[in-house]
Amino acid sequence: MRPVEPLRLDQHQHVSVIIFDEIADDGEELQFAPREEFEPLADHSVTLETVRGALSKIPGSLDANFLVERNER
């Protein structure tokens, strides 16, 4: 997953990401939705251990990928 533009986040800031299957291609800029809009859609049954397990199956190093992207800018 790559943001369209750099995000203004502090180091070690925790964020939540929601991925929609379809994005309207109406030319409007992508904006963050208010928490009240996406919170009901969250699946709170997914544990941190489940997420870590799924991410651990990704080959290679995500850190290395981020560093390569950062250096390309």
C-alpha atoms as a PDB file:
ATOM      1  CA  MET A   1       0.000   0.000   0.000  1.00  0.00           C
ATOM      2  CA  ARG A   2       1.412   3.365  -0.980  1.00  0.00           C
ATOM      3  CA  PRO A   3      -0.081   6.763  -0.224  1.00  0.00           C
ATOM      4  CA  VAL A   4      -0.618   9.087  -3.148  1.00  0.00           C
ATOM      5  CA  GLU A   5       1.413  11.715  -1.336  1.00  0.00           C
ATOM      6  CA  PRO A   6       3.519  11.755   1.842  1.00  0.00           C
ATOM      7  CA  LEU A   7       1.456  11.672   5.011  1.00  0.00           C
ATOM      8  CA  ARG A   8       2.130  14.117   7.825  1.00  0.00           C
ATOM      9  CA  LEU A   9       2.527  11.642  10.655  1.00  0.00           C
ATOM     10  CA  ASP A  10       4.747  11.715  13.725  1.00  0.00           C
ATOM     11  CA  GLN A  11       7.299   8.958  14.251  1.00  0.00           C
ATOM     12  CA  HIS A  12       5.701   5.868  15.809  1.00  0.00           C
ATOM     13  CA  GLN A  13       2.216   7.359  15.491  1.00  0.00           C
ATOM     14  CA  HIS A  14      -0.486   4.696  15.435  1.00  0.00           C
ATOM     15  CA  VAL A  15      -3.018   4.948  12.607  1.00  0.00           C
ATOM     16  CA  SER A  16      -6.020   2.987  11.415  1.00  0.00           C
ATOM     17  CA  VAL A  17      -6.449   2.126   7.740  1.00  0.00           C
ATOM     18  CA  ILE A  18      -9.679   1.122   6.036  1.00  0.00           C
ATOM     19  CA  ILE A  19      -9.526  -0.173   2.477  1.00  0.00           C
ATOM     20  CA  PHE A  20     -12.569   0.181   0.263  1.00  0.00           C
ATOM     21  CA  ASP A  21     -13.033  -2.104  -2.732  1.00  0.00           C
ATOM     22  CA  GLU A  22     -14.130   0.721  -4.988  1.00  0.00           C
ATOM     23  CA  ILE A  23     -13.058   4.350  -5.157  1.00  0.00           C
ATOM     24  CA  ALA A  24     -15.056   6.813  -7.188  1.00  0.00           C
ATOM     25  CA  ASP A  25     -12.975   8.247 -10.016  1.00  0.00           C
ATOM     26  CA  ASP A  26     -14.677  11.623 -10.004  1.00  0.00           C
ATOM     27  CA  GLY A  27     -11.479  13.662  -9.917  1.00  0.00           C
ATOM     28  CA  GLU A  28     -12.002  14.728  -6.315  1.00  0.00           C
ATOM     29  CA  GLU A  29      -9.128  14.543  -3.881  1.00  0.00           C
ATOM     30  CA  LEU A  30      -9.107  11.575  -1.517  1.00  0.00           C
ATOM     31  CA  GLN A  31      -9.974  12.717   1.998  1.00  0.00           C
ATOM     32  CA  PHE A  32     -10.030  11.111   5.419  1.00  0.00           C
ATOM     33  CA  ALA A  33     -13.454  10.133   6.673  1.00  0.00           C
ATOM     34  CA  PRO A  34     -14.529  11.122  10.182  1.00  0.00           C
ATOM     35  CA  ARG A  35     -14.254   8.345  12.775  1.00  0.00           C
ATOM     36  CA  GLU A  36     -18.044   8.230  13.201  1.00  0.00           C
ATOM     37  CA  GLU A  37     -18.348   7.169   9.561  1.00  0.00           C
ATOM     38  CA  PHE A  38     -15.878   4.270   9.555  1.00  0.00           C
ATOM     39  CA  GLU A  39     -16.041   3.020  13.149  1.00  0.00           C
ATOM     40  CA  PRO A  40     -19.272   1.016  12.585  1.00  0.00           C
ATOM     41  CA  LEU A  41     -17.534  -0.752   9.653  1.00  0.00           C
ATOM     42  CA  ALA A  42     -14.572  -1.914  11.746  1.00  0.00           C
ATOM     43  CA  ASP A  43     -14.222  -5.611  12.493  1.00  0.00           C
ATOM     44  CA  HIS A  44     -13.257  -5.614  16.171  1.00  0.00           C
ATOM     45  CA  SER A  45     -13.068  -9.411  16.233  1.00  0.00           C
ATOM     46  CA  VAL A  46      -9.695  -9.275  14.418  1.00  0.00           C
ATOM     47  CA  THR A  47      -6.954  -9.411  17.025  1.00  0.00           C
ATOM     48  CA  LEU A  48      -3.525  -7.832  16.895  1.00  0.00           C
ATOM     49  CA  GLU A  49      -2.045 -11.335  16.867  1.00  0.00           C
ATOM     50  CA  THR A  50      -4.094 -12.182  13.744  1.00  0.00           C
ATOM     51  CA  VAL A  51      -2.841  -9.069  11.972  1.00  0.00           C
ATOM     52  CA  ARG A  52       0.764  -9.759  12.971  1.00  0.00           C
ATOM     53  CA  GLY A  53       0.407 -13.349  11.758  1.00  0.00           C
ATOM     54  CA  ALA A  54      -0.912 -12.223   8.394  1.00  0.00           C
ATOM     55  CA  LEU A  55       1.806  -9.600   8.005  1.00  0.00           C
ATOM     56  CA  SER A  56       4.529 -12.083   8.965  1.00  0.00           C
ATOM     57  CA  LYS A  57       3.717 -14.113   5.839  1.00  0.00           C
ATOM     58  CA  ILE A  58       4.743 -11.236   3.561  1.00  0.00           C
ATOM     59  CA  PRO A  59       8.175 -12.124   2.173  1.00  0.00           C
ATOM     60  CA  GLY A  60      11.074  -9.731   2.619  1.00  0.00           C
ATOM     61  CA  SER A  61      11.223  -6.696   4.825  1.00  0.00           C
ATOM     62  CA  LEU A  62       8.578  -3.987   4.761  1.00  0.00           C
ATOM     63  CA  ASP A  63      11.082  -1.657   6.438  1.00  0.00           C
ATOM     64  CA  ALA A  64      13.475  -2.161   3.537  1.00  0.00           C
ATOM     65  CA  ASN A  65      10.673  -1.436   1.053  1.00  0.00           C
ATOM     66  CA  PHE A  66       9.785   1.792   2.865  1.00  0.00           C
ATOM     67  CA  LEU A  67      13.417   2.895   2.913  1.00  0.00           C
ATOM     68  CA  VAL A  68      13.747   2.250  -0.833  1.00  0.00           C
ATOM     69  CA  GLU A  69      10.593   4.277  -1.515  1.00  0.00           C
ATOM     70  CA  ARG A  70      11.766   7.082   0.742  1.00  0.00           C
ATOM     71  CA  ASN A  71      15.137   7.210  -1.011  1.00  0.00           C
ATOM     72  CA  GLU A  72      13.429   7.339  -4.429  1.00  0.00           C
ATOM     73  CA  ARG A  73      11.735  10.624  -3.525  1.00  0.00           C
END
